[in-house]
């Protein structure tokens, strides 16, 4: 690839990804997503289908704003559901937009909790990434001197297992800087 073609390709994408860090400019849209921010494999009590719930944290810079969101997808790990009934009394994702100074600790800028209980109970599998399973934290003004990322937790209570609410910290998105 010639240098001219390389620079044209770089300009078209608006980003460089290197070692898990996305460099961003506020005029160009750039996104940084963790390919697999975590998953929960659940064997439900009774004859409800074993299912895998997967999460992907993303941070995005566009038009001078930085955003954070978490995609949630799930699928049955068996061919047929003998009992497709209610699986959760609660299933919630909390997404946080975080920033940090060089060498510092993450600071939560904004967060939101999305209640996905009804959606995961009514759908045995979800292959597409839809608006409804995207938990979006409020955006903030982009500061190019900060490192930005998306982080999240999932909290769920399995119907009939007697264990109460289980909370799992998920892996954050790669850092955005620039």
Protein backbone atom coordinates (compact mmCIF):
# COMPACT_ATOMS: atom_id res chain seq x y z
CA UNK A 1 0.00 0.00 0.00
CA UNK A 2 1.40 3.39 -0.95
CA UNK A 3 1.71 6.12 1.67
CA UNK A 4 -0.98 8.17 -0.12
CA UNK A 5 -3.44 5.23 -0.03
CA UNK A 6 -2.53 4.52 3.59
CA UNK A 7 -3.22 8.13 4.62
CA UNK A 8 -6.50 8.10 2.69
CA UNK A 9 -7.55 4.88 4.45
CA UNK A 10 -6.58 6.33 7.82
CA UNK A 11 -8.54 9.53 7.15
CA UNK A 12 -11.60 7.50 6.13
CA UNK A 13 -11.66 5.52 9.34
CA UNK A 14 -10.85 8.43 11.66
CA UNK A 15 -9.00 6.23 14.12
CA UNK A 16 -5.96 4.12 14.87
CA UNK A 17 -6.26 1.11 17.12
CA UNK A 18 -3.04 0.13 18.84
CA UNK A 19 -2.64 -2.10 21.87
CA UNK A 20 -6.24 -1.62 22.99
CA UNK A 21 -6.08 2.18 22.81
CA UNK A 22 -8.13 4.15 20.30
CA UNK A 23 -6.88 7.63 19.45
CA UNK A 24 -9.71 10.05 18.80
CA UNK A 25 -10.27 13.51 17.48
CA UNK A 26 -13.51 15.25 18.48
CA UNK A 27 -14.43 16.04 14.86
CA UNK A 28 -14.24 12.42 13.72
CA UNK A 29 -16.40 9.61 15.04
CA UNK A 30 -14.38 6.82 16.62
CA UNK A 31 -15.49 3.87 18.72
CA UNK A 32 -13.63 1.48 20.98
CA UNK A 33 -15.37 -1.76 21.92
CA UNK A 34 -14.20 -4.68 24.02
CA UNK A 35 -14.89 -7.73 21.85
CA UNK A 36 -15.92 -9.76 24.88
CA UNK A 37 -16.42 -7.76 28.05
CA UNK A 38 -17.67 -10.83 29.86
CA UNK A 39 -20.33 -13.47 29.88
CA UNK A 40 -22.53 -15.41 32.27
CA UNK A 41 -23.38 -19.05 31.54
CA UNK A 42 -26.49 -19.98 33.54
CA UNK A 43 -27.90 -23.44 34.17
CA UNK A 44 -31.39 -22.64 35.45
CA UNK A 45 -33.25 -24.82 37.96
CA UNK A 46 -35.85 -27.20 36.55
CA UNK A 47 -36.27 -27.63 32.80
CA UNK A 48 -35.51 -24.08 31.76
CA UNK A 49 -32.83 -23.91 29.03
CA UNK A 50 -29.20 -23.32 29.94
CA UNK A 51 -28.29 -19.95 28.39
CA UNK A 52 -25.24 -17.79 27.77
CA UNK A 53 -25.49 -14.02 28.32
CA UNK A 54 -22.68 -11.99 26.72
CA UNK A 55 -21.71 -8.33 27.10
CA UNK A 56 -19.69 -5.85 25.06
CA UNK A 57 -18.64 -2.46 26.48
CA UNK A 58 -18.07 0.41 24.04
CA UNK A 59 -16.96 4.03 24.24
CA UNK A 60 -17.50 6.49 21.41
CA UNK A 61 -16.39 10.01 20.50
CA UNK A 62 -18.50 11.96 18.03
CA UNK A 63 -19.12 15.68 17.51
CA UNK A 64 -17.28 16.70 20.67
CA UNK A 65 -19.18 14.27 22.92
CA UNK A 66 -18.08 10.98 24.46
CA UNK A 67 -20.59 8.19 25.13
CA UNK A 68 -20.52 4.76 26.76
CA UNK A 69 -22.80 1.76 26.28
CA UNK A 70 -23.10 -1.95 26.91
CA UNK A 71 -24.57 -4.41 24.40
CA UNK A 72 -26.24 -7.49 25.88
CA UNK A 73 -26.89 -10.61 23.79
CA UNK A 74 -27.94 -14.10 24.77
CA UNK A 75 -28.58 -17.54 23.39
CA UNK A 76 -29.81 -20.93 24.57
CA UNK A 77 -27.10 -23.55 24.94
CA UNK A 78 -29.54 -26.38 24.10
CA UNK A 79 -31.56 -27.14 20.94
CA UNK A 80 -35.03 -27.08 22.52
CA UNK A 81 -36.46 -25.32 25.55
CA UNK A 82 -38.60 -27.74 27.56
CA UNK A 83 -39.77 -24.93 29.85
CA UNK A 84 -39.49 -21.45 28.29
CA UNK A 85 -41.04 -19.82 31.38
CA UNK A 86 -39.79 -16.98 33.54
CA UNK A 87 -36.05 -17.28 34.20
CA UNK A 88 -35.25 -14.09 36.12
CA UNK A 89 -36.95 -12.04 38.80
CA UNK A 90 -34.43 -9.30 37.93
CA UNK A 91 -31.79 -8.73 35.21
CA UNK A 92 -30.10 -5.32 35.15
CA UNK A 93 -27.04 -3.84 33.44
CA UNK A 94 -25.35 -0.72 34.83
CA UNK A 95 -23.16 1.13 32.31
CA UNK A 96 -20.62 3.75 33.39
CA UNK A 97 -18.80 6.39 31.34
CA UNK A 98 -15.38 6.76 32.97
CA UNK A 99 -12.41 9.07 32.53
CA UNK A 100 -8.91 9.14 33.96
CA UNK A 101 -5.88 11.34 33.91
CA UNK A 102 -2.52 9.85 32.89
CA UNK A 103 -1.46 7.49 35.70
CA UNK A 104 -4.66 8.14 37.66
CA UNK A 105 -7.67 6.08 38.64
CA UNK A 106 -10.97 5.91 36.79
CA UNK A 107 -13.60 8.48 37.73
CA UNK A 108 -17.25 7.84 36.92
CA UNK A 109 -18.60 10.70 34.80
CA UNK A 110 -22.10 9.30 34.28
CA UNK A 111 -23.97 6.04 34.67
CA UNK A 112 -27.32 4.47 34.02
CA UNK A 113 -29.01 1.20 34.98
CA UNK A 114 -31.10 -0.59 32.37
CA UNK A 115 -33.70 -3.13 33.44
CA UNK A 116 -33.68 -5.92 30.84
CA UNK A 117 -35.73 -8.37 32.93
CA UNK A 118 -38.82 -8.37 30.73
CA UNK A 119 -36.78 -8.63 27.52
CA UNK A 120 -34.62 -11.58 28.61
CA UNK A 121 -37.65 -13.40 30.06
CA UNK A 122 -39.72 -12.97 26.89
CA UNK A 123 -36.94 -13.90 24.42
CA UNK A 124 -35.00 -17.17 24.61
CA UNK A 125 -32.30 -15.91 22.26
CA UNK A 126 -31.22 -12.61 20.80
CA UNK A 127 -28.90 -12.70 17.82
CA UNK A 128 -29.21 -9.08 16.66
CA UNK A 129 -27.90 -6.00 18.41
CA UNK A 130 -31.02 -3.94 18.90
CA UNK A 131 -31.69 -0.58 20.51
CA UNK A 132 -33.49 -2.25 23.41
CA UNK A 133 -30.48 -4.28 24.55
CA UNK A 134 -28.07 -1.32 24.37
CA UNK A 135 -27.63 0.27 27.80
CA UNK A 136 -26.44 3.83 27.10
CA UNK A 137 -24.96 6.09 29.80
CA UNK A 138 -25.45 9.87 29.42
CA UNK A 139 -22.77 11.46 27.22
CA UNK A 140 -20.26 14.10 28.34
CA UNK A 141 -18.16 16.78 26.69
CA UNK A 142 -15.02 15.21 25.24
CA UNK A 143 -11.72 16.33 26.79
CA UNK A 144 -8.79 15.19 24.65
CA UNK A 145 -6.46 15.30 27.67
CA UNK A 146 -8.34 12.47 29.41
CA UNK A 147 -8.50 8.72 28.81
CA UNK A 148 -12.12 7.56 28.34
CA UNK A 149 -13.77 4.14 28.64
CA UNK A 150 -17.00 2.28 29.22
CA UNK A 151 -17.38 -0.10 32.15
CA UNK A 152 -20.33 -2.07 33.49
CA UNK A 153 -21.80 -4.56 35.91
CA UNK A 154 -24.62 -7.05 35.48
CA UNK A 155 -26.91 -7.94 38.39
CA UNK A 156 -29.42 -10.76 38.12
CA UNK A 157 -31.68 -12.86 40.32
CA UNK A 158 -32.55 -16.29 38.94
CA UNK A 159 -36.18 -17.32 39.46
CA UNK A 160 -36.46 -20.17 41.96
CA UNK A 161 -32.78 -20.75 42.80
CA UNK A 162 -32.95 -19.17 46.28
CA UNK A 163 -29.54 -17.46 45.93
CA UNK A 164 -30.73 -13.85 45.63
CA UNK A 165 -29.09 -11.18 43.46
CA UNK A 166 -25.72 -12.00 41.89
CA UNK A 167 -23.56 -9.10 40.66
CA UNK A 168 -20.67 -9.47 38.23
CA UNK A 169 -18.16 -6.78 37.24
CA UNK A 170 -17.52 -6.85 33.49
CA UNK A 171 -14.32 -5.92 31.64
CA UNK A 172 -14.25 -2.32 30.44
CA UNK A 173 -13.77 -1.14 26.88
CA UNK A 174 -10.32 -0.27 25.56
CA UNK A 175 -9.31 3.30 26.40
CA UNK A 176 -9.97 6.24 24.08
CA UNK A 177 -7.39 9.06 24.08
CA UNK A 178 -6.43 11.87 21.85
